[in-house]
Amino acid sequence: MTAPLHQALQKLDTIILGKPAQLRLAMTCLLARGHLLIEDIPGVGKTTLALALARVLGLDFQRVQFTSDLLPADILGVSVYESREATFRFHPGPIFSQLVLADEVNRASPKTQSALLEAMEERQVTVEGTTRRLPEPFFVIATQNPAQQIGTFPLPESQLDRFLMRVSLGYPPPEAERALLQERERRDLLAETPSVLAPAELLALQQQVQQVRTAPALIDYLMALIQRTRELPGLRQGLSPRAGLALRRAAQAWALIEGRGGVIPEDVQAVFVAVVNHRLVAAAEREGAAISAEEVLAEVAIP
C-alpha cells in the first residue's frame, strides 16, 4: 500500500470506528472512479463516512437531502435571468462538487432520482440544452434506507447499476460502540482532522489503478464468475458486461491498495459481494430467495 493511502485509511479508522472492511471498500470504490451506495438504517454513520472521506481526501463536499418534493433543478442547477445584464446566467447546483452525498436517495421521486444518471455515468450534466462537465475527481455517495421503511421509492435497476458498490455498515462492535459513547462527538473530531491527500494526488492514484495488470488467467476467473450468474435458475438475469468491467476495475483498485502491481483471485473475492449483490435480480418465482453473491463465489473454483 502506498504511504498516502495507508495514512488516509488510518485516519478514517480513527473517525469511523470498528468498520475497517467497509472503509477499505469505500476507498476502493473511489480509486476505481465508481460511486458508492450505502444501504442501512438511520444512525449507523452513513453520513459521517461521507464527510470523513471528503475531509481526509481534501475534496469539495456538498450534501443533498433527498425528499419527496425535491426537483431535478435542485440538484443540477438552473438558469436565472439577470436583469442588469439582460441575460440568463446558470447557477450550478450541488452536483458540481467533487464529492456529493445524496442522502436518503430513495425518498425522492423516480424523476428526481434519474437526474443523477447522466452525472454518474458521463460525469457531465445537460441543463436546458447545454452540457457542462463536472469536476474531477467526481464521486457520489448515496445513502438508502431499507425499502420497507415508510416514504421510500425503490431505485430502478438502471440506476442501481450506476453504483460500483453497495455496502452496509451495520451496528458497531461492542468495543467500538463503547468508544463512541465515551469519546467526543465524531463530527467535532472530524472538524479538526487534516487532509491527507489532495485532489491531484487522488487523480494520480486513479490513473495508477488502470495500470494494475490483469493476467489472462485472472480474466478467465472473472468470466467464469460472470457466466455462472447467467446460468443459475434462481436469478432472472445475471451480470452484464458493464458489471464485469466494474468488477475488474474494483479488483484492480483493491490490488493497488494492497500494494500489488497485478490482480490475484483474492482481490476479486474481496470486492465481489459489494460489486454484484445489487445487480443480481431474483427470478420471479423465487423472490426473496435469490442466489446470493457469496453462493456464486463459492461455486466457482480459483484457477
C-alpha atoms as a PDB file:
ATOM      1  CA  MET A   1       0.000   0.000   0.000  1.00  0.00           C
ATOM      2  CA  THR A   2       1.309   3.477  -0.840  1.00  0.00           C
ATOM      3  CA  ALA A   3       2.067   5.720   2.134  1.00  0.00           C
ATOM      4  CA  PRO A   4      -0.705   8.295   1.412  1.00  0.00           C
ATOM      5  CA  LEU A   5      -3.340   5.569   1.109  1.00  0.00           C
ATOM      6  CA  HIS A   6      -2.143   3.957   4.316  1.00  0.00           C
ATOM      7  CA  GLN A   7      -2.323   7.300   6.125  1.00  0.00           C
ATOM      8  CA  ALA A   8      -5.788   8.030   4.739  1.00  0.00           C
ATOM      9  CA  LEU A   9      -7.173   4.673   5.867  1.00  0.00           C
ATOM     10  CA  GLN A  10      -5.552   5.051   9.287  1.00  0.00           C
ATOM     11  CA  LYS A  11      -7.150   8.466   9.694  1.00  0.00           C
ATOM     12  CA  LEU A  12     -10.554   7.146   8.613  1.00  0.00           C
ATOM     13  CA  ASP A  13     -10.239   4.319  11.147  1.00  0.00           C
ATOM     14  CA  THR A  14      -9.976   6.871  13.954  1.00  0.00           C
ATOM     15  CA  ILE A  15     -13.237   8.516  12.868  1.00  0.00           C
ATOM     16  CA  ILE A  16     -15.394   5.562  11.784  1.00  0.00           C
ATOM     17  CA  LEU A  17     -14.729   3.008  14.495  1.00  0.00           C
ATOM     18  CA  GLY A  18     -14.920  -0.743  14.020  1.00  0.00           C
ATOM     19  CA  LYS A  19     -15.555  -0.700  10.248  1.00  0.00           C
ATOM     20  CA  PRO A  20     -12.168  -1.323   8.559  1.00  0.00           C
ATOM     21  CA  ALA A  21     -13.617  -3.552   5.807  1.00  0.00           C
ATOM     22  CA  GLN A  22     -16.285  -1.017   4.805  1.00  0.00           C
ATOM     23  CA  LEU A  23     -13.744   1.817   4.828  1.00  0.00           C
ATOM     24  CA  ARG A  24     -11.414  -0.135   2.565  1.00  0.00           C
ATOM     25  CA  LEU A  25     -14.266  -0.912   0.188  1.00  0.00           C
ATOM     26  CA  ALA A  26     -15.254   2.768   0.101  1.00  0.00           C
ATOM     27  CA  MET A  27     -11.667   3.748  -0.706  1.00  0.00           C
ATOM     28  CA  THR A  28     -11.527   1.043  -3.367  1.00  0.00           C
ATOM     29  CA  CYS A  29     -14.712   2.383  -4.924  1.00  0.00           C
ATOM     30  CA  LEU A  30     -13.303   5.905  -5.092  1.00  0.00           C
ATOM     31  CA  LEU A  31      -9.973   4.790  -6.561  1.00  0.00           C
ATOM     32  CA  ALA A  32     -11.858   2.812  -9.211  1.00  0.00           C
ATOM     33  CA  ARG A  33     -13.748   6.001 -10.205  1.00  0.00           C
ATOM     34  CA  GLY A  34     -17.050   4.454  -9.141  1.00  0.00           C
ATOM     35  CA  HIS A  35     -19.940   5.559  -6.954  1.00  0.00           C
ATOM     36  CA  LEU A  36     -20.982   4.100  -3.628  1.00  0.00           C
ATOM     37  CA  LEU A  37     -24.431   3.155  -2.312  1.00  0.00           C
ATOM     38  CA  ILE A  38     -24.704   2.673   1.458  1.00  0.00           C
ATOM     39  CA  GLU A  39     -27.896   0.909   2.491  1.00  0.00           C
ATOM     40  CA  ASP A  40     -28.683   0.758   6.193  1.00  0.00           C
ATOM     41  CA  ILE A  41     -30.938   2.014   8.948  1.00  0.00           C
ATOM     42  CA  PRO A  42     -30.583   5.630  10.122  1.00  0.00           C
ATOM     43  CA  GLY A  43     -27.966   6.426  12.732  1.00  0.00           C
ATOM     44  CA  VAL A  44     -25.151   3.988  11.961  1.00  0.00           C
ATOM     45  CA  GLY A  45     -22.708   6.531  10.476  1.00  0.00           C
ATOM     46  CA  LYS A  46     -23.526   6.703   6.760  1.00  0.00           C
ATOM     47  CA  THR A  47     -23.354  10.497   6.561  1.00  0.00           C
ATOM     48  CA  THR A  48     -20.303  10.646   8.824  1.00  0.00           C
ATOM     49  CA  LEU A  49     -18.489   8.248   6.497  1.00  0.00           C
ATOM     50  CA  ALA A  50     -19.110  10.549   3.527  1.00  0.00           C
ATOM     51  CA  LEU A  51     -17.967  13.594   5.494  1.00  0.00           C
ATOM     52  CA  ALA A  52     -14.852  11.752   6.658  1.00  0.00           C
ATOM     53  CA  LEU A  53     -13.883  10.740   3.119  1.00  0.00           C
ATOM     54  CA  ALA A  54     -14.285  14.300   1.862  1.00  0.00           C
ATOM     55  CA  ARG A  55     -12.239  15.691   4.738  1.00  0.00           C
ATOM     56  CA  VAL A  56      -9.402  13.169   4.628  1.00  0.00           C
ATOM     57  CA  LEU A  57      -9.122  13.273   0.835  1.00  0.00           C
ATOM     58  CA  GLY A  58      -9.354  17.064   0.572  1.00  0.00           C
ATOM     59  CA  LEU A  59     -12.438  17.068  -1.655  1.00  0.00           C
ATOM     60  CA  ASP A  60     -15.117  19.726  -2.093  1.00  0.00           C
ATOM     61  CA  PHE A  61     -18.276  18.410  -0.460  1.00  0.00           C
ATOM     62  CA  GLN A  62     -21.990  19.010  -0.910  1.00  0.00           C
ATOM     63  CA  ARG A  63     -24.871  17.207   0.727  1.00  0.00           C
ATOM     64  CA  VAL A  64     -28.305  16.916  -0.888  1.00  0.00           C
ATOM     65  CA  GLN A  65     -31.127  15.768   1.373  1.00  0.00           C
ATOM     66  CA  PHE A  66     -33.479  13.836  -0.897  1.00  0.00           C
ATOM     67  CA  THR A  67     -37.171  14.369  -0.131  1.00  0.00           C
ATOM     68  CA  SER A  68     -40.391  13.670  -1.979  1.00  0.00           C
ATOM     69  CA  ASP A  69     -40.638  17.309  -3.181  1.00  0.00           C
ATOM     70  CA  LEU A  70     -37.033  17.599  -4.405  1.00  0.00           C
ATOM     71  CA  LEU A  71     -36.798  18.621  -8.078  1.00  0.00           C
ATOM     72  CA  PRO A  72     -34.058  17.819 -10.621  1.00  0.00           C
ATOM     73  CA  ALA A  73     -33.166  21.522 -10.803  1.00  0.00           C
ATOM     74  CA  ASP A  74     -32.439  21.450  -7.075  1.00  0.00           C
ATOM     75  CA  ILE A  75     -29.593  19.051  -7.867  1.00  0.00           C
ATOM     76  CA  LEU A  76     -28.364  20.133 -11.288  1.00  0.00           C
ATOM     77  CA  GLY A  77     -28.863  23.897 -11.132  1.00  0.00           C
ATOM     78  CA  VAL A  78     -30.952  26.408 -13.047  1.00  0.00           C
ATOM     79  CA  SER A  79     -30.574  29.442 -15.297  1.00  0.00           C
ATOM     80  CA  VAL A  80     -31.759  32.680 -13.723  1.00  0.00           C
ATOM     81  CA  TYR A  81     -32.483  35.896 -15.631  1.00  0.00           C
ATOM     82  CA  GLU A  82     -30.123  38.704 -14.655  1.00  0.00           C
ATOM     83  CA  SER A  83     -31.933  41.983 -15.315  1.00  0.00           C
ATOM     84  CA  ARG A  84     -28.802  44.124 -15.144  1.00  0.00           C
ATOM     85  CA  GLU A  85     -27.111  42.165 -17.908  1.00  0.00           C
ATOM     86  CA  ALA A  86     -30.361  41.269 -19.701  1.00  0.00           C
ATOM     87  CA  THR A  87     -29.278  37.652 -19.983  1.00  0.00           C
ATOM     88  CA  PHE A  88     -29.682  34.292 -18.314  1.00  0.00           C
ATOM     89  CA  ARG A  89     -26.913  33.066 -16.037  1.00  0.00           C
ATOM     90  CA  PHE A  90     -26.542  29.451 -14.976  1.00  0.00           C
ATOM     91  CA  HIS A  91     -26.367  28.840 -11.246  1.00  0.00           C
ATOM     92  CA  PRO A  92     -24.801  25.405 -10.716  1.00  0.00           C
ATOM     93  CA  GLY A  93     -26.426  23.005  -8.279  1.00  0.00           C
ATOM     94  CA  PRO A  94     -24.712  20.900  -5.636  1.00  0.00           C
ATOM     95  CA  ILE A  95     -23.886  18.212  -8.216  1.00  0.00           C
ATOM     96  CA  PHE A  96     -20.937  20.420  -9.238  1.00  0.00           C
ATOM     97  CA  SER A  97     -18.808  19.205  -6.341  1.00  0.00           C
ATOM     98  CA  GLN A  98     -16.065  16.616  -6.107  1.00  0.00           C
ATOM     99  CA  LEU A  99     -17.916  14.530  -3.526  1.00  0.00           C
ATOM    100  CA  VAL A 100     -21.709  14.638  -3.463  1.00  0.00           C
ATOM    101  CA  LEU A 101     -23.715  12.976  -0.711  1.00  0.00           C
ATOM    102  CA  ALA A 102     -27.186  12.006  -1.955  1.00  0.00           C
ATOM    103  CA  ASP A 103     -28.708  11.456   1.474  1.00  0.00           C
ATOM    104  CA  GLU A 104     -31.694   9.083   1.646  1.00  0.00           C
ATOM    105  CA  VAL A 105     -31.782   8.916  -2.141  1.00  0.00           C
ATOM    106  CA  ASN A 106     -34.774   6.575  -2.194  1.00  0.00           C
ATOM    107  CA  ARG A 107     -37.036   9.161  -0.556  1.00  0.00           C
ATOM    108  CA  ALA A 108     -37.129  11.251  -3.759  1.00  0.00           C
ATOM    109  CA  SER A 109     -39.384  10.593  -6.724  1.00  0.00           C
ATOM    110  CA  PRO A 110     -38.094   8.466  -9.615  1.00  0.00           C
ATOM    111  CA  LYS A 111     -37.873  11.595 -11.808  1.00  0.00           C
ATOM    112  CA  THR A 112     -35.505  13.261  -9.363  1.00  0.00           C
ATOM    113  CA  GLN A 113     -33.507  10.070  -8.848  1.00  0.00           C
ATOM    114  CA  SER A 114     -32.985   9.871 -12.610  1.00  0.00           C
ATOM    115  CA  ALA A 115     -31.388  13.342 -12.594  1.00  0.00           C
ATOM    116  CA  LEU A 116     -28.283  11.639 -11.199  1.00  0.00           C
ATOM    117  CA  LEU A 117     -27.956   9.119 -14.035  1.00  0.00           C
ATOM    118  CA  GLU A 118     -26.110  11.246 -16.602  1.00  0.00           C
ATOM    119  CA  ALA A 119     -23.911  12.789 -13.914  1.00  0.00           C
ATOM    120  CA  MET A 120     -22.867   9.400 -12.535  1.00  0.00           C
ATOM    121  CA  GLU A 121     -22.303   7.732 -15.888  1.00  0.00           C
ATOM    122  CA  GLU A 122     -20.935  10.519 -18.076  1.00  0.00           C
ATOM    123  CA  ARG A 123     -19.551  12.892 -15.423  1.00  0.00           C
ATOM    124  CA  GLN A 124     -21.451  15.709 -17.028  1.00  0.00           C
ATOM    125  CA  VAL A 125     -24.930  17.206 -16.873  1.00  0.00           C
ATOM    126  CA  THR A 126     -27.139  18.656 -19.588  1.00  0.00           C
ATOM    127  CA  VAL A 127     -29.362  21.524 -18.487  1.00  0.00           C
ATOM    128  CA  GLU A 128     -31.514  23.470 -20.928  1.00  0.00           C
ATOM    129  CA  GLY A 129     -29.640  22.046 -23.901  1.00  0.00           C
ATOM    130  CA  THR A 130     -26.154  22.876 -22.628  1.00  0.00           C
ATOM    131  CA  THR A 131     -23.758  20.176 -21.479  1.00  0.00           C
ATOM    132  CA  ARG A 132     -21.435  21.019 -18.614  1.00  0.00           C
ATOM    133  CA  ARG A 133     -18.570  18.916 -17.297  1.00  0.00           C
ATOM    134  CA  LEU A 134     -18.403  18.006 -13.640  1.00  0.00           C
ATOM    135  CA  PRO A 135     -15.249  18.473 -11.543  1.00  0.00           C
ATOM    136  CA  GLU A 136     -12.573  15.809 -11.245  1.00  0.00           C
ATOM    137  CA  PRO A 137     -12.428  13.719  -9.231  1.00  0.00           C
ATOM    138  CA  PHE A 138     -16.194  13.227  -9.034  1.00  0.00           C
ATOM    139  CA  PHE A 139     -17.695  10.809  -6.569  1.00  0.00           C
ATOM    140  CA  VAL A 140     -21.300  10.210  -5.499  1.00  0.00           C
ATOM    141  CA  ILE A 141     -22.096   8.547  -2.200  1.00  0.00           C
ATOM    142  CA  ALA A 142     -25.788   7.780  -1.857  1.00  0.00           C
ATOM    143  CA  THR A 143     -27.408   6.573   1.324  1.00  0.00           C
ATOM    144  CA  GLN A 144     -30.553   4.494   1.203  1.00  0.00           C
ATOM    145  CA  ASN A 145     -32.976   3.457   3.923  1.00  0.00           C
ATOM    146  CA  PRO A 146     -34.319  -0.102   3.905  1.00  0.00           C
ATOM    147  CA  ALA A 147     -37.123  -0.460   1.336  1.00  0.00           C
ATOM    148  CA  GLN A 148     -39.688  -1.434   3.972  1.00  0.00           C
ATOM    149  CA  GLN A 149     -39.474   1.980   5.652  1.00  0.00           C
ATOM    150  CA  ILE A 150     -42.339   4.406   5.038  1.00  0.00           C
ATOM    151  CA  GLY A 151     -41.904   7.029   2.312  1.00  0.00           C
ATOM    152  CA  THR A 152     -39.303   5.296   0.159  1.00  0.00           C
ATOM    153  CA  PHE A 153     -39.233   4.730  -3.601  1.00  0.00           C
ATOM    154  CA  PRO A 154     -37.241   1.729  -4.854  1.00  0.00           C
ATOM    155  CA  LEU A 155     -34.269   2.627  -7.032  1.00  0.00           C
ATOM    156  CA  PRO A 156     -34.696   1.368 -10.615  1.00  0.00           C
ATOM    157  CA  GLU A 157     -32.296  -1.299 -11.810  1.00  0.00           C
ATOM    158  CA  SER A 158     -30.761   1.117 -14.322  1.00  0.00           C
ATOM    159  CA  GLN A 159     -29.741   3.450 -11.504  1.00  0.00           C
ATOM    160  CA  LEU A 160     -28.573   0.703  -9.174  1.00  0.00           C
ATOM    161  CA  ASP A 161     -26.229  -0.415 -11.941  1.00  0.00           C
ATOM    162  CA  ARG A 162     -24.539   3.013 -11.889  1.00  0.00           C
ATOM    163  CA  PHE A 163     -23.244   2.335  -8.396  1.00  0.00           C
ATOM    164  CA  LEU A 164     -19.989   0.427  -8.479  1.00  0.00           C
ATOM    165  CA  MET A 165     -20.589  -0.917  -4.970  1.00  0.00           C
ATOM    166  CA  ARG A 166     -23.305  -1.304  -2.376  1.00  0.00           C
ATOM    167  CA  VAL A 167     -22.268  -1.760   1.237  1.00  0.00           C
ATOM    168  CA  SER A 168     -23.934  -1.877   4.623  1.00  0.00           C
ATOM    169  CA  LEU A 169     -22.338  -0.519   7.791  1.00  0.00           C
ATOM    170  CA  GLY A 170     -24.385  -2.323  10.418  1.00  0.00           C
ATOM    171  CA  TYR A 171     -24.070  -1.842  14.155  1.00  0.00           C
ATOM    172  CA  PRO A 172     -20.558  -1.257  15.516  1.00  0.00           C
ATOM    173  CA  PRO A 173     -18.901  -3.994  17.568  1.00  0.00           C
ATOM    174  CA  PRO A 174     -19.289  -3.507  21.346  1.00  0.00           C
ATOM    175  CA  GLU A 175     -15.790  -2.150  21.931  1.00  0.00           C
ATOM    176  CA  ALA A 176     -16.218   0.424  19.143  1.00  0.00           C
ATOM    177  CA  GLU A 177     -19.636   1.459  20.432  1.00  0.00           C
ATOM    178  CA  ARG A 178     -18.213   1.918  23.936  1.00  0.00           C
ATOM    179  CA  ALA A 179     -15.540   4.200  22.493  1.00  0.00           C
ATOM    180  CA  LEU A 180     -18.223   6.178  20.643  1.00  0.00           C
ATOM    181  CA  LEU A 181     -20.131   6.700  23.883  1.00  0.00           C
ATOM    182  CA  GLN A 182     -17.046   7.673  25.865  1.00  0.00           C
ATOM    183  CA  GLU A 183     -15.225   9.897  23.395  1.00  0.00           C
ATOM    184  CA  ARG A 184     -16.021  13.207  21.723  1.00  0.00           C
ATOM    185  CA  GLU A 185     -18.633  13.566  19.017  1.00  0.00           C
ATOM    186  CA  ARG A 186     -17.264  12.271  15.728  1.00  0.00           C
ATOM    187  CA  ARG A 187     -18.310  15.463  13.891  1.00  0.00           C
ATOM    188  CA  ASP A 188     -16.210  17.542  16.348  1.00  0.00           C
ATOM    189  CA  LEU A 189     -13.260  15.233  15.783  1.00  0.00           C
ATOM    190  CA  LEU A 190     -13.790  15.459  12.042  1.00  0.00           C
ATOM    191  CA  ALA A 191     -13.593  19.255  12.096  1.00  0.00           C
ATOM    192  CA  GLU A 192     -10.032  19.002  13.448  1.00  0.00           C
ATOM    193  CA  THR A 193      -8.918  16.288  11.034  1.00  0.00           C
ATOM    194  CA  PRO A 194      -6.397  17.471   8.410  1.00  0.00           C
ATOM    195  CA  SER A 195      -6.491  16.336   4.812  1.00  0.00           C
ATOM    196  CA  VAL A 196      -4.101  13.530   3.964  1.00  0.00           C
ATOM    197  CA  LEU A 197      -4.441  13.648   0.168  1.00  0.00           C
ATOM    198  CA  ALA A 198      -5.035  16.412  -2.360  1.00  0.00           C
ATOM    199  CA  PRO A 199      -7.393  16.025  -5.356  1.00  0.00           C
ATOM    200  CA  ALA A 200      -4.420  15.949  -7.759  1.00  0.00           C
ATOM    201  CA  GLU A 201      -2.868  13.065  -5.796  1.00  0.00           C
ATOM    202  CA  LEU A 202      -6.161  11.207  -5.844  1.00  0.00           C
ATOM    203  CA  LEU A 203      -6.412  11.612  -9.611  1.00  0.00           C
ATOM    204  CA  ALA A 204      -2.887  10.220  -9.947  1.00  0.00           C
ATOM    205  CA  LEU A 205      -3.837   7.187  -7.855  1.00  0.00           C
ATOM    206  CA  GLN A 206      -6.904   6.630 -10.028  1.00  0.00           C
ATOM    207  CA  GLN A 207      -4.613   6.608 -13.046  1.00  0.00           C
ATOM    208  CA  GLN A 208      -2.402   4.025 -11.332  1.00  0.00           C
ATOM    209  CA  VAL A 209      -5.393   1.733 -10.905  1.00  0.00           C
ATOM    210  CA  GLN A 210      -5.691   1.458 -14.672  1.00  0.00           C
ATOM    211  CA  GLN A 211      -2.081   0.257 -14.857  1.00  0.00           C
ATOM    212  CA  VAL A 212      -2.612  -2.685 -12.474  1.00  0.00           C
ATOM    213  CA  ARG A 213      -2.195  -5.861 -14.546  1.00  0.00           C
ATOM    214  CA  THR A 214      -4.919  -8.443 -15.111  1.00  0.00           C
ATOM    215  CA  ALA A 215      -3.382 -11.659 -16.407  1.00  0.00           C
ATOM    216  CA  PRO A 216      -5.251 -13.915 -18.864  1.00  0.00           C
ATOM    217  CA  ALA A 217      -5.849 -16.486 -16.117  1.00  0.00           C
ATOM    218  CA  LEU A 218      -7.436 -13.791 -13.959  1.00  0.00           C
ATOM    219  CA  ILE A 219      -9.707 -12.766 -16.835  1.00  0.00           C
ATOM    220  CA  ASP A 220     -10.737 -16.427 -17.157  1.00  0.00           C
ATOM    221  CA  TYR A 221     -11.703 -16.407 -13.473  1.00  0.00           C
ATOM    222  CA  LEU A 222     -13.749 -13.227 -13.919  1.00  0.00           C
ATOM    223  CA  MET A 223     -15.532 -14.705 -16.932  1.00  0.00           C
ATOM    224  CA  ALA A 224     -16.324 -17.893 -15.020  1.00  0.00           C
ATOM    225  CA  LEU A 225     -17.916 -15.897 -12.208  1.00  0.00           C
ATOM    226  CA  ILE A 226     -19.932 -13.771 -14.622  1.00  0.00           C
ATOM    227  CA  GLN A 227     -21.080 -16.764 -16.651  1.00  0.00           C
ATOM    228  CA  ARG A 228     -22.180 -18.612 -13.530  1.00  0.00           C
ATOM    229  CA  THR A 229     -24.571 -15.790 -12.621  1.00  0.00           C
ATOM    230  CA  ARG A 230     -26.181 -16.147 -16.056  1.00  0.00           C
ATOM    231  CA  GLU A 231     -26.763 -19.869 -15.642  1.00  0.00           C
ATOM    232  CA  LEU A 232     -28.277 -20.109 -12.174  1.00  0.00           C
ATOM    233  CA  PRO A 233     -32.052 -20.781 -12.175  1.00  0.00           C
ATOM    234  CA  GLY A 234     -32.568 -18.628  -9.081  1.00  0.00           C
ATOM    235  CA  LEU A 235     -31.627 -15.479 -11.000  1.00  0.00           C
ATOM    236  CA  ARG A 236     -33.786 -13.719 -13.571  1.00  0.00           C
ATOM    237  CA  GLN A 237     -30.716 -12.126 -15.076  1.00  0.00           C
ATOM    238  CA  GLY A 238     -27.015 -12.417 -14.491  1.00  0.00           C
ATOM    239  CA  LEU A 239     -24.230  -9.898 -14.645  1.00  0.00           C
ATOM    240  CA  SER A 240     -23.947  -7.644 -17.674  1.00  0.00           C
ATOM    241  CA  PRO A 241     -20.688  -6.833 -19.498  1.00  0.00           C
ATOM    242  CA  ARG A 242     -20.712  -3.459 -17.715  1.00  0.00           C
ATOM    243  CA  ALA A 243     -20.882  -5.275 -14.382  1.00  0.00           C
ATOM    244  CA  GLY A 244     -17.902  -7.384 -15.458  1.00  0.00           C
ATOM    245  CA  LEU A 245     -15.895  -4.256 -16.232  1.00  0.00           C
ATOM    246  CA  ALA A 246     -16.879  -2.828 -12.850  1.00  0.00           C
ATOM    247  CA  LEU A 247     -15.687  -5.998 -11.120  1.00  0.00           C
ATOM    248  CA  ARG A 248     -12.327  -5.901 -12.886  1.00  0.00           C
ATOM    249  CA  ARG A 249     -11.846  -2.204 -12.082  1.00  0.00           C
ATOM    250  CA  ALA A 250     -12.710  -2.714  -8.409  1.00  0.00           C
ATOM    251  CA  ALA A 251     -10.307  -5.653  -8.171  1.00  0.00           C
ATOM    252  CA  GLN A 252      -7.544  -3.514  -9.708  1.00  0.00           C
ATOM    253  CA  ALA A 253      -8.175  -0.780  -7.114  1.00  0.00           C
ATOM    254  CA  TRP A 254      -8.138  -3.319  -4.268  1.00  0.00           C
ATOM    255  CA  ALA A 255      -4.839  -4.713  -5.568  1.00  0.00           C
ATOM    256  CA  LEU A 256      -3.358  -1.196  -5.627  1.00  0.00           C
ATOM    257  CA  ILE A 257      -4.377  -0.642  -2.001  1.00  0.00           C
ATOM    258  CA  GLU A 258      -2.716  -3.963  -1.151  1.00  0.00           C
ATOM    259  CA  GLY A 259       0.457  -2.764  -2.872  1.00  0.00           C
ATOM    260  CA  ARG A 260       0.356  -5.217  -5.772  1.00  0.00           C
ATOM    261  CA  GLY A 261       1.036  -4.477  -9.421  1.00  0.00           C
ATOM    262  CA  GLY A 262      -1.274  -7.245 -10.635  1.00  0.00           C
ATOM    263  CA  VAL A 263      -4.688  -8.598  -9.663  1.00  0.00           C
ATOM    264  CA  ILE A 264      -4.940 -12.005  -7.969  1.00  0.00           C
ATOM    265  CA  PRO A 265      -8.148 -14.009  -7.368  1.00  0.00           C
ATOM    266  CA  GLU A 266      -8.236 -12.901  -3.720  1.00  0.00           C
ATOM    267  CA  ASP A 267      -8.634  -9.299  -4.899  1.00  0.00           C
ATOM    268  CA  VAL A 268     -11.686 -10.294  -6.931  1.00  0.00           C
ATOM    269  CA  GLN A 269     -13.128 -12.178  -3.975  1.00  0.00           C
ATOM    270  CA  ALA A 270     -12.617  -9.197  -1.660  1.00  0.00           C
ATOM    271  CA  VAL A 271     -14.790  -6.897  -3.787  1.00  0.00           C
ATOM    272  CA  PHE A 272     -17.154  -9.393  -5.432  1.00  0.00           C
ATOM    273  CA  VAL A 273     -20.075  -9.197  -2.996  1.00  0.00           C
ATOM    274  CA  ALA A 274     -20.077  -5.395  -2.794  1.00  0.00           C
ATOM    275  CA  VAL A 275     -19.911  -5.066  -6.583  1.00  0.00           C
ATOM    276  CA  VAL A 276     -22.535  -7.584  -7.656  1.00  0.00           C
ATOM    277  CA  ASN A 277     -25.121  -8.045  -4.893  1.00  0.00           C
ATOM    278  CA  HIS A 278     -27.273  -5.115  -6.058  1.00  0.00           C
ATOM    279  CA  ARG A 279     -27.007  -6.286  -9.665  1.00  0.00           C
ATOM    280  CA  LEU A 280     -28.317  -9.839  -9.188  1.00  0.00           C
ATOM    281  CA  VAL A 281     -32.044  -9.966  -9.922  1.00  0.00           C
ATOM    282  CA  ALA A 282     -34.048 -12.846  -8.486  1.00  0.00           C
ATOM    283  CA  ALA A 283     -36.272 -14.957 -10.701  1.00  0.00           C
ATOM    284  CA  ALA A 284     -39.952 -14.089 -10.214  1.00  0.00           C
ATOM    285  CA  GLU A 285     -40.795 -17.463  -8.722  1.00  0.00           C
ATOM    286  CA  ARG A 286     -38.005 -17.129  -6.186  1.00  0.00           C
ATOM    287  CA  GLU A 287     -38.348 -13.532  -4.985  1.00  0.00           C
ATOM    288  CA  GLY A 288     -36.692 -13.212  -1.611  1.00  0.00           C
ATOM    289  CA  ALA A 289     -34.745 -16.428  -2.118  1.00  0.00           C
ATOM    290  CA  ALA A 290     -32.289 -15.449  -4.833  1.00  0.00           C
ATOM    291  CA  ILE A 291     -28.883 -16.997  -5.100  1.00  0.00           C
ATOM    292  CA  SER A 292     -26.542 -14.668  -3.236  1.00  0.00           C
ATOM    293  CA  ALA A 293     -23.206 -13.350  -4.416  1.00  0.00           C
ATOM    294  CA  GLU A 294     -21.497 -15.384  -1.710  1.00  0.00           C
ATOM    295  CA  GLU A 295     -23.002 -18.582  -3.146  1.00  0.00           C
ATOM    296  CA  VAL A 296     -21.826 -17.705  -6.652  1.00  0.00           C
ATOM    297  CA  LEU A 297     -18.338 -17.051  -5.334  1.00  0.00           C
ATOM    298  CA  ALA A 298     -18.269 -20.391  -3.520  1.00  0.00           C
ATOM    299  CA  GLU A 299     -19.284 -22.300  -6.650  1.00  0.00           C
ATOM    300  CA  VAL A 300     -16.525 -21.038  -8.930  1.00  0.00           C
ATOM    301  CA  ALA A 301     -13.098 -22.528  -8.279  1.00  0.00           C
ATOM    302  CA  ILE A 302      -9.946 -20.424  -8.268  1.00  0.00           C
ATOM    303  CA  PRO A 303      -7.877 -21.200 -11.379  1.00  0.00           C
END
